[in-house]
Amino acid sequence: MIRTEKITHRFKSGFQLLPCTLEFQNHECIAVLGKNGAGKSTFFQLLTGFLPPLSGKVWFNEKLMAPRNSALRKNIGYLTQKLPLPDWSTPIQLLRYVSKLHQLGNSEDKIRSILEQWECTSFQNQPIHGFSHGMKKRVGLCVATLHQPNFLILDEPYSGLDLSQNQNLSKFISNRTKRNQTILLSTHIIPYAAELCDRAIFVDNGNIQEISKWKSWDFQTRMTRIKEMVENS
């Protein structure tokens, strides 16, 4: 579904994302691991077309991904780590706007369903500026999943959620892969990555490499190896 072809990017600060060629198929949940500042968010922005690569290409269903290709980007859902939600809006107002952007039919039913799924109905008519981090995270999940995208990127989705909401999110991730939908999951909570993900990518100072032995490792081995890789990066 998504294929990168030697994509790179460089910032004025000197940080650069090294050439990366990867392919993500339907039904996969892929862990994207690494320390803060390693280049994970830059990688996500390149995949979604929010950021143009310095060189190389990103293909989505054999079509070229680019910032100007808004129609293609509608097939992607993206929960960013830093949520750019409009403080003056309410969740239901925001979701009505998002539904219009995606031209969704039966939008009110879909909005009602997604608010229930992420437990946002109790504050759906309140302005976002007064929300806690966890409340904003749940609204962000509503926005990222309202249009039921085939390709979904979740950047630190568990932060701010309580135990019940974490379990709800993990169940949602598992169900997506059963429906042949793809997820890229970035999280610092190692047990979730070890349990939920079919593949894993490690990002270290702009260098992106797939962990080739991931599928052969059991849960405990995955936990141990991730910790070692993070400590040594």
C-alpha atoms as a PDB file:
ATOM      1  CA  MET A   1       0.000   0.000   0.000  1.00  0.00           C
ATOM      2  CA  ILE A   2       2.729   2.501   0.976  1.00  0.00           C
ATOM      3  CA  ARG A   3       6.206   2.315  -0.511  1.00  0.00           C
ATOM      4  CA  THR A   4       9.152   4.632   0.068  1.00  0.00           C
ATOM      5  CA  GLU A   5      11.921   4.886  -2.494  1.00  0.00           C
ATOM      6  CA  LYS A   6      15.178   6.242  -1.047  1.00  0.00           C
ATOM      7  CA  ILE A   7      13.439   9.201   0.622  1.00  0.00           C
ATOM      8  CA  THR A   8      15.613  11.725   2.445  1.00  0.00           C
ATOM      9  CA  HIS A   9      15.129  15.062   4.147  1.00  0.00           C
ATOM     10  CA  ARG A  10      17.438  17.659   5.654  1.00  0.00           C
ATOM     11  CA  PHE A  11      16.774  20.560   8.050  1.00  0.00           C
ATOM     12  CA  LYS A  12      18.680  23.824   8.414  1.00  0.00           C
ATOM     13  CA  SER A  13      19.794  22.634  11.855  1.00  0.00           C
ATOM     14  CA  GLY A  14      21.844  19.942  10.102  1.00  0.00           C
ATOM     15  CA  PHE A  15      19.615  17.030  11.083  1.00  0.00           C
ATOM     16  CA  GLN A  16      18.874  14.741   8.174  1.00  0.00           C
ATOM     17  CA  LEU A  17      16.802  11.667   7.471  1.00  0.00           C
ATOM     18  CA  LEU A  18      19.034   9.172   5.679  1.00  0.00           C
ATOM     19  CA  PRO A  19      17.849   7.374   2.492  1.00  0.00           C
ATOM     20  CA  CYS A  20      15.027   4.997   3.356  1.00  0.00           C
ATOM     21  CA  THR A  21      13.332   2.325   1.230  1.00  0.00           C
ATOM     22  CA  LEU A  22      10.468   0.405   2.855  1.00  0.00           C
ATOM     23  CA  GLU A  23       7.137  -1.138   1.950  1.00  0.00           C
ATOM     24  CA  PHE A  24       4.026  -1.491   4.112  1.00  0.00           C
ATOM     25  CA  GLN A  25       1.296  -3.944   3.155  1.00  0.00           C
ATOM     26  CA  ASN A  26      -2.361  -4.313   4.099  1.00  0.00           C
ATOM     27  CA  HIS A  27      -3.204  -6.054   7.400  1.00  0.00           C
ATOM     28  CA  GLU A  28       0.127  -5.104   9.042  1.00  0.00           C
ATOM     29  CA  CYS A  29       0.729  -3.277  12.302  1.00  0.00           C
ATOM     30  CA  ILE A  30       4.248  -1.846  12.250  1.00  0.00           C
ATOM     31  CA  ALA A  31       6.017  -0.469  15.317  1.00  0.00           C
ATOM     32  CA  VAL A  32       8.129   2.647  14.731  1.00  0.00           C
ATOM     33  CA  LEU A  33      10.571   2.813  17.631  1.00  0.00           C
ATOM     34  CA  GLY A  34      13.297   5.188  18.750  1.00  0.00           C
ATOM     35  CA  LYS A  35      14.109   8.052  21.085  1.00  0.00           C
ATOM     36  CA  ASN A  36      12.539  11.511  20.847  1.00  0.00           C
ATOM     37  CA  GLY A  37      14.263  13.516  18.134  1.00  0.00           C
ATOM     38  CA  ALA A  38      15.417  10.427  16.237  1.00  0.00           C
ATOM     39  CA  GLY A  39      13.397  11.338  13.127  1.00  0.00           C
ATOM     40  CA  LYS A  40      10.110   9.449  13.578  1.00  0.00           C
ATOM     41  CA  SER A  41       7.845  12.491  13.153  1.00  0.00           C
ATOM     42  CA  THR A  42       9.793  13.616  10.072  1.00  0.00           C
ATOM     43  CA  PHE A  43       9.319  10.142   8.612  1.00  0.00           C
ATOM     44  CA  PHE A  44       5.568  10.292   9.266  1.00  0.00           C
ATOM     45  CA  GLN A  45       5.250  13.719   7.655  1.00  0.00           C
ATOM     46  CA  LEU A  46       7.001  12.436   4.540  1.00  0.00           C
ATOM     47  CA  LEU A  47       4.698   9.409   4.364  1.00  0.00           C
ATOM     48  CA  THR A  48       1.559  11.531   4.643  1.00  0.00           C
ATOM     49  CA  GLY A  49       2.637  14.167   2.130  1.00  0.00           C
ATOM     50  CA  PHE A  50       2.756  16.987   4.671  1.00  0.00           C
ATOM     51  CA  LEU A  51       6.479  17.315   4.018  1.00  0.00           C
ATOM     52  CA  PRO A  52       8.125  16.911   0.577  1.00  0.00           C
ATOM     53  CA  PRO A  53      11.240  14.693   0.477  1.00  0.00           C
ATOM     54  CA  LEU A  54      14.555  16.279  -0.416  1.00  0.00           C
ATOM     55  CA  SER A  55      15.080  13.295  -2.699  1.00  0.00           C
ATOM     56  CA  GLY A  56      13.297  10.022  -3.354  1.00  0.00           C
ATOM     57  CA  LYS A  57       9.593   9.274  -3.617  1.00  0.00           C
ATOM     58  CA  VAL A  58       6.637   7.993  -1.600  1.00  0.00           C
ATOM     59  CA  TRP A  59       4.050   5.857  -3.390  1.00  0.00           C
ATOM     60  CA  PHE A  60       0.525   5.163  -2.157  1.00  0.00           C
ATOM     61  CA  ASN A  61      -1.212   2.401  -4.137  1.00  0.00           C
ATOM     62  CA  GLU A  62       1.266   3.104  -6.947  1.00  0.00           C
ATOM     63  CA  LYS A  63       0.358   6.800  -7.010  1.00  0.00           C
ATOM     64  CA  LEU A  64       2.903   9.461  -6.126  1.00  0.00           C
ATOM     65  CA  MET A  65       2.350  11.069  -2.729  1.00  0.00           C
ATOM     66  CA  ALA A  66       2.955  14.824  -2.634  1.00  0.00           C
ATOM     67  CA  PRO A  67       1.809  17.812  -0.528  1.00  0.00           C
ATOM     68  CA  ARG A  68      -0.409  18.994  -3.381  1.00  0.00           C
ATOM     69  CA  ASN A  69      -2.137  15.610  -3.754  1.00  0.00           C
ATOM     70  CA  SER A  70      -4.888  16.211  -1.214  1.00  0.00           C
ATOM     71  CA  ALA A  71      -7.217  13.600  -2.721  1.00  0.00           C
ATOM     72  CA  LEU A  72      -4.674  10.840  -2.121  1.00  0.00           C
ATOM     73  CA  ARG A  73      -4.001  12.021   1.426  1.00  0.00           C
ATOM     74  CA  LYS A  74      -7.686  11.516   2.305  1.00  0.00           C
ATOM     75  CA  ASN A  75      -6.951   7.782   2.405  1.00  0.00           C
ATOM     76  CA  ILE A  76      -4.645   8.329   5.391  1.00  0.00           C
ATOM     77  CA  GLY A  77      -5.375   9.005   9.044  1.00  0.00           C
ATOM     78  CA  TYR A  78      -2.684  10.673  11.172  1.00  0.00           C
ATOM     79  CA  LEU A  79      -2.672  11.210  14.916  1.00  0.00           C
ATOM     80  CA  THR A  80       0.257  13.534  15.599  1.00  0.00           C
ATOM     81  CA  GLN A  81       2.130  13.557  18.899  1.00  0.00           C
ATOM     82  CA  LYS A  82       1.513  17.299  19.286  1.00  0.00           C
ATOM     83  CA  LEU A  83      -2.190  17.746  18.581  1.00  0.00           C
ATOM     84  CA  PRO A  84      -2.958  20.871  16.495  1.00  0.00           C
ATOM     85  CA  LEU A  85      -6.601  21.111  17.606  1.00  0.00           C
ATOM     86  CA  PRO A  86      -8.480  24.451  17.364  1.00  0.00           C
ATOM     87  CA  ASP A  87      -9.014  25.592  20.967  1.00  0.00           C
ATOM     88  CA  TRP A  88     -12.095  27.658  20.110  1.00  0.00           C
ATOM     89  CA  SER A  89     -13.970  24.684  18.614  1.00  0.00           C
ATOM     90  CA  THR A  90     -15.957  21.901  20.262  1.00  0.00           C
ATOM     91  CA  PRO A  91     -15.363  18.235  19.318  1.00  0.00           C
ATOM     92  CA  ILE A  92     -18.659  17.946  17.461  1.00  0.00           C
ATOM     93  CA  GLN A  93     -18.029  21.160  15.507  1.00  0.00           C
ATOM     94  CA  LEU A  94     -14.560  19.959  14.581  1.00  0.00           C
ATOM     95  CA  LEU A  95     -15.805  16.554  13.449  1.00  0.00           C
ATOM     96  CA  ARG A  96     -18.545  18.109  11.324  1.00  0.00           C
ATOM     97  CA  TYR A  97     -15.863  20.162   9.588  1.00  0.00           C
ATOM     98  CA  VAL A  98     -13.664  17.070   9.102  1.00  0.00           C
ATOM     99  CA  SER A  99     -16.617  15.096   7.699  1.00  0.00           C
ATOM    100  CA  LYS A 100     -17.178  17.818   5.090  1.00  0.00           C
ATOM    101  CA  LEU A 101     -13.509  17.699   4.074  1.00  0.00           C
ATOM    102  CA  HIS A 102     -13.815  13.954   3.537  1.00  0.00           C
ATOM    103  CA  GLN A 103     -17.276  14.291   1.960  1.00  0.00           C
ATOM    104  CA  LEU A 104     -18.718  11.602   4.225  1.00  0.00           C
ATOM    105  CA  GLY A 105     -22.276  10.373   3.815  1.00  0.00           C
ATOM    106  CA  ASN A 106     -24.434   9.840   6.917  1.00  0.00           C
ATOM    107  CA  SER A 107     -21.983  12.110   8.684  1.00  0.00           C
ATOM    108  CA  GLU A 108     -24.040  12.694  11.847  1.00  0.00           C
ATOM    109  CA  ASP A 109     -24.332   8.944  12.458  1.00  0.00           C
ATOM    110  CA  LYS A 110     -20.605   8.479  11.889  1.00  0.00           C
ATOM    111  CA  ILE A 111     -19.757  11.394  14.169  1.00  0.00           C
ATOM    112  CA  ARG A 112     -21.996  10.034  16.909  1.00  0.00           C
ATOM    113  CA  SER A 113     -20.417   6.588  16.566  1.00  0.00           C
ATOM    114  CA  ILE A 114     -16.822   7.828  16.683  1.00  0.00           C
ATOM    115  CA  LEU A 115     -17.509  10.049  19.710  1.00  0.00           C
ATOM    116  CA  GLU A 116     -18.906   7.013  21.503  1.00  0.00           C
ATOM    117  CA  GLN A 117     -16.002   4.815  20.451  1.00  0.00           C
ATOM    118  CA  TRP A 118     -13.391   7.161  21.939  1.00  0.00           C
ATOM    119  CA  GLU A 119     -15.564   8.133  24.950  1.00  0.00           C
ATOM    120  CA  CYS A 120     -15.979  11.805  24.014  1.00  0.00           C
ATOM    121  CA  THR A 121     -19.754  12.210  24.198  1.00  0.00           C
ATOM    122  CA  SER A 122     -19.742  13.725  27.694  1.00  0.00           C
ATOM    123  CA  PHE A 123     -17.727  16.742  26.490  1.00  0.00           C
ATOM    124  CA  GLN A 124     -18.658  16.865  22.787  1.00  0.00           C
ATOM    125  CA  ASN A 125     -20.189  20.356  23.117  1.00  0.00           C
ATOM    126  CA  GLN A 126     -17.467  21.903  25.281  1.00  0.00           C
ATOM    127  CA  PRO A 127     -14.667  24.120  23.880  1.00  0.00           C
ATOM    128  CA  ILE A 128     -11.390  22.257  23.448  1.00  0.00           C
ATOM    129  CA  HIS A 129      -9.281  24.937  25.178  1.00  0.00           C
ATOM    130  CA  GLY A 130     -10.329  23.634  28.611  1.00  0.00           C
ATOM    131  CA  PHE A 131      -9.534  19.976  27.899  1.00  0.00           C
ATOM    132  CA  SER A 132      -6.933  17.831  29.625  1.00  0.00           C
ATOM    133  CA  HIS A 133      -4.220  16.113  27.579  1.00  0.00           C
ATOM    134  CA  GLY A 134      -6.153  12.843  27.656  1.00  0.00           C
ATOM    135  CA  MET A 135      -9.368  14.478  26.443  1.00  0.00           C
ATOM    136  CA  LYS A 136      -7.500  16.123  23.563  1.00  0.00           C
ATOM    137  CA  LYS A 137      -5.898  12.787  22.684  1.00  0.00           C
ATOM    138  CA  ARG A 138      -9.316  11.147  22.405  1.00  0.00           C
ATOM    139  CA  VAL A 139     -10.591  13.978  20.191  1.00  0.00           C
ATOM    140  CA  GLY A 140      -7.475  13.541  18.056  1.00  0.00           C
ATOM    141  CA  LEU A 141      -8.291   9.848  17.690  1.00  0.00           C
ATOM    142  CA  CYS A 142     -11.802  10.816  16.562  1.00  0.00           C
ATOM    143  CA  VAL A 143     -10.383  13.103  13.871  1.00  0.00           C
ATOM    144  CA  ALA A 144      -7.821  10.530  12.680  1.00  0.00           C
ATOM    145  CA  THR A 145     -10.298   7.655  12.432  1.00  0.00           C
ATOM    146  CA  LEU A 146     -13.634   9.304  11.493  1.00  0.00           C
ATOM    147  CA  HIS A 147     -13.188   8.534   7.775  1.00  0.00           C
ATOM    148  CA  GLN A 148     -12.003   4.952   8.463  1.00  0.00           C
ATOM    149  CA  PRO A 149      -8.714   5.319   6.567  1.00  0.00           C
ATOM    150  CA  ASN A 150      -6.977   2.274   5.130  1.00  0.00           C
ATOM    151  CA  PHE A 151      -3.613   3.594   6.305  1.00  0.00           C
ATOM    152  CA  LEU A 152      -3.367   4.991   9.844  1.00  0.00           C
ATOM    153  CA  ILE A 153      -0.401   6.522  11.651  1.00  0.00           C
ATOM    154  CA  LEU A 154      -0.605   6.776  15.442  1.00  0.00           C
ATOM    155  CA  ASP A 155       2.187   8.799  17.067  1.00  0.00           C
ATOM    156  CA  GLU A 156       2.231   8.155  20.844  1.00  0.00           C
ATOM    157  CA  PRO A 157      -1.523   7.402  21.007  1.00  0.00           C
ATOM    158  CA  TYR A 158      -1.441   5.903  24.514  1.00  0.00           C
ATOM    159  CA  SER A 159      -0.110   8.972  26.318  1.00  0.00           C
ATOM    160  CA  GLY A 160      -2.803  10.632  28.416  1.00  0.00           C
ATOM    161  CA  LEU A 161      -5.217   7.696  28.266  1.00  0.00           C
ATOM    162  CA  ASP A 162      -6.350   5.711  31.308  1.00  0.00           C
ATOM    163  CA  LEU A 163      -6.203   1.910  31.550  1.00  0.00           C
ATOM    164  CA  SER A 164      -9.692   1.343  30.125  1.00  0.00           C
ATOM    165  CA  GLN A 165      -9.015   3.665  27.184  1.00  0.00           C
ATOM    166  CA  ASN A 166      -5.659   1.974  26.556  1.00  0.00           C
ATOM    167  CA  GLN A 167      -7.423  -1.377  26.327  1.00  0.00           C
ATOM    168  CA  ASN A 168      -9.992   0.118  23.959  1.00  0.00           C
ATOM    169  CA  LEU A 169      -7.216   1.468  21.734  1.00  0.00           C
ATOM    170  CA  SER A 170      -5.352  -1.870  21.673  1.00  0.00           C
ATOM    171  CA  LYS A 171      -8.551  -3.677  20.692  1.00  0.00           C
ATOM    172  CA  PHE A 172      -9.142  -1.118  17.938  1.00  0.00           C
ATOM    173  CA  ILE A 173      -5.612  -1.691  16.576  1.00  0.00           C
ATOM    174  CA  SER A 174      -6.047  -5.477  16.574  1.00  0.00           C
ATOM    175  CA  ASN A 175      -9.400  -5.237  14.796  1.00  0.00           C
ATOM    176  CA  ARG A 176      -7.953  -3.006  12.067  1.00  0.00           C
ATOM    177  CA  THR A 177      -5.363  -5.591  11.052  1.00  0.00           C
ATOM    178  CA  LYS A 178      -8.107  -8.236  10.875  1.00  0.00           C
ATOM    179  CA  ARG A 179      -9.871  -5.957   8.362  1.00  0.00           C
ATOM    180  CA  ASN A 180      -6.722  -5.735   6.204  1.00  0.00           C
ATOM    181  CA  GLN A 181      -6.013  -2.152   7.267  1.00  0.00           C
ATOM    182  CA  THR A 182      -2.507  -0.919   8.009  1.00  0.00           C
ATOM    183  CA  ILE A 183      -1.227   0.881  11.107  1.00  0.00           C
ATOM    184  CA  LEU A 184       2.100   2.508  11.922  1.00  0.00           C
ATOM    185  CA  LEU A 185       2.364   2.707  15.706  1.00  0.00           C
ATOM    186  CA  SER A 186       4.941   4.851  17.472  1.00  0.00           C
ATOM    187  CA  THR A 187       4.979   4.362  21.226  1.00  0.00           C
ATOM    188  CA  HIS A 188       7.388   4.473  24.156  1.00  0.00           C
ATOM    189  CA  ILE A 189       5.269   1.874  25.973  1.00  0.00           C
ATOM    190  CA  ILE A 190       7.274  -1.175  24.941  1.00  0.00           C
ATOM    191  CA  PRO A 191       4.754  -3.920  25.915  1.00  0.00           C
ATOM    192  CA  TYR A 192       2.163  -2.520  23.480  1.00  0.00           C
ATOM    193  CA  ALA A 193       4.635  -2.535  20.598  1.00  0.00           C
ATOM    194  CA  ALA A 194       5.839  -6.049  21.468  1.00  0.00           C
ATOM    195  CA  GLU A 195       2.330  -7.464  21.693  1.00  0.00           C
ATOM    196  CA  LEU A 196       0.471  -5.719  18.863  1.00  0.00           C
ATOM    197  CA  CYS A 197       2.968  -5.269  16.044  1.00  0.00           C
ATOM    198  CA  ASP A 198       3.781  -7.708  13.222  1.00  0.00           C
ATOM    199  CA  ARG A 199       6.884  -5.791  12.159  1.00  0.00           C
ATOM    200  CA  ALA A 200       9.142  -3.168  13.717  1.00  0.00           C
ATOM    201  CA  ILE A 201      11.277  -0.297  12.476  1.00  0.00           C
ATOM    202  CA  PHE A 202      13.969   1.388  14.547  1.00  0.00           C
ATOM    203  CA  VAL A 203      14.870   5.039  13.981  1.00  0.00           C
ATOM    204  CA  ASP A 204      18.229   6.254  15.294  1.00  0.00           C
ATOM    205  CA  ASN A 205      19.524   9.762  14.481  1.00  0.00           C
ATOM    206  CA  GLY A 206      17.790   9.844  11.111  1.00  0.00           C
ATOM    207  CA  ASN A 207      18.697   6.273  10.162  1.00  0.00           C
ATOM    208  CA  ILE A 208      15.626   4.061   9.593  1.00  0.00           C
ATOM    209  CA  GLN A 209      16.106   0.303   9.614  1.00  0.00           C
ATOM    210  CA  GLU A 210      13.674  -2.602   9.857  1.00  0.00           C
ATOM    211  CA  ILE A 211      14.288  -5.051  12.711  1.00  0.00           C
ATOM    212  CA  SER A 212      14.644  -8.149  10.564  1.00  0.00           C
ATOM    213  CA  LYS A 213      14.252 -10.794  13.296  1.00  0.00           C
ATOM    214  CA  TRP A 214      11.143  -9.260  14.879  1.00  0.00           C
ATOM    215  CA  LYS A 215       8.710 -11.927  13.667  1.00  0.00           C
ATOM    216  CA  SER A 216      10.816 -14.768  15.065  1.00  0.00           C
ATOM    217  CA  TRP A 217      11.103 -13.214  18.545  1.00  0.00           C
ATOM    218  CA  ASP A 218       8.614 -14.000  21.282  1.00  0.00           C
ATOM    219  CA  PHE A 219       7.059 -11.278  23.446  1.00  0.00           C
ATOM    220  CA  GLN A 220       9.782 -11.270  26.098  1.00  0.00           C
ATOM    221  CA  THR A 221      12.613 -11.231  23.561  1.00  0.00           C
ATOM    222  CA  ARG A 222      11.007  -8.276  21.788  1.00  0.00           C
ATOM    223  CA  MET A 223      10.789  -6.412  25.105  1.00  0.00           C
ATOM    224  CA  THR A 224      14.441  -7.070  25.927  1.00  0.00           C
ATOM    225  CA  ARG A 225      15.801  -6.229  22.488  1.00  0.00           C
ATOM    226  CA  ILE A 226      13.844  -2.967  22.222  1.00  0.00           C
ATOM    227  CA  LYS A 227      15.205  -1.805  25.580  1.00  0.00           C
ATOM    228  CA  GLU A 228      18.752  -2.680  24.483  1.00  0.00           C
ATOM    229  CA  MET A 229      18.398  -0.831  21.196  1.00  0.00           C
ATOM    230  CA  VAL A 230      17.019   2.302  22.840  1.00  0.00           C
ATOM    231  CA  GLU A 231      19.729   2.292  25.514  1.00  0.00           C
ATOM    232  CA  ASN A 232      22.472   1.898  22.920  1.00  0.00           C
ATOM    233  CA  SER A 233      21.148   4.518  20.491  1.00  0.00           C
END
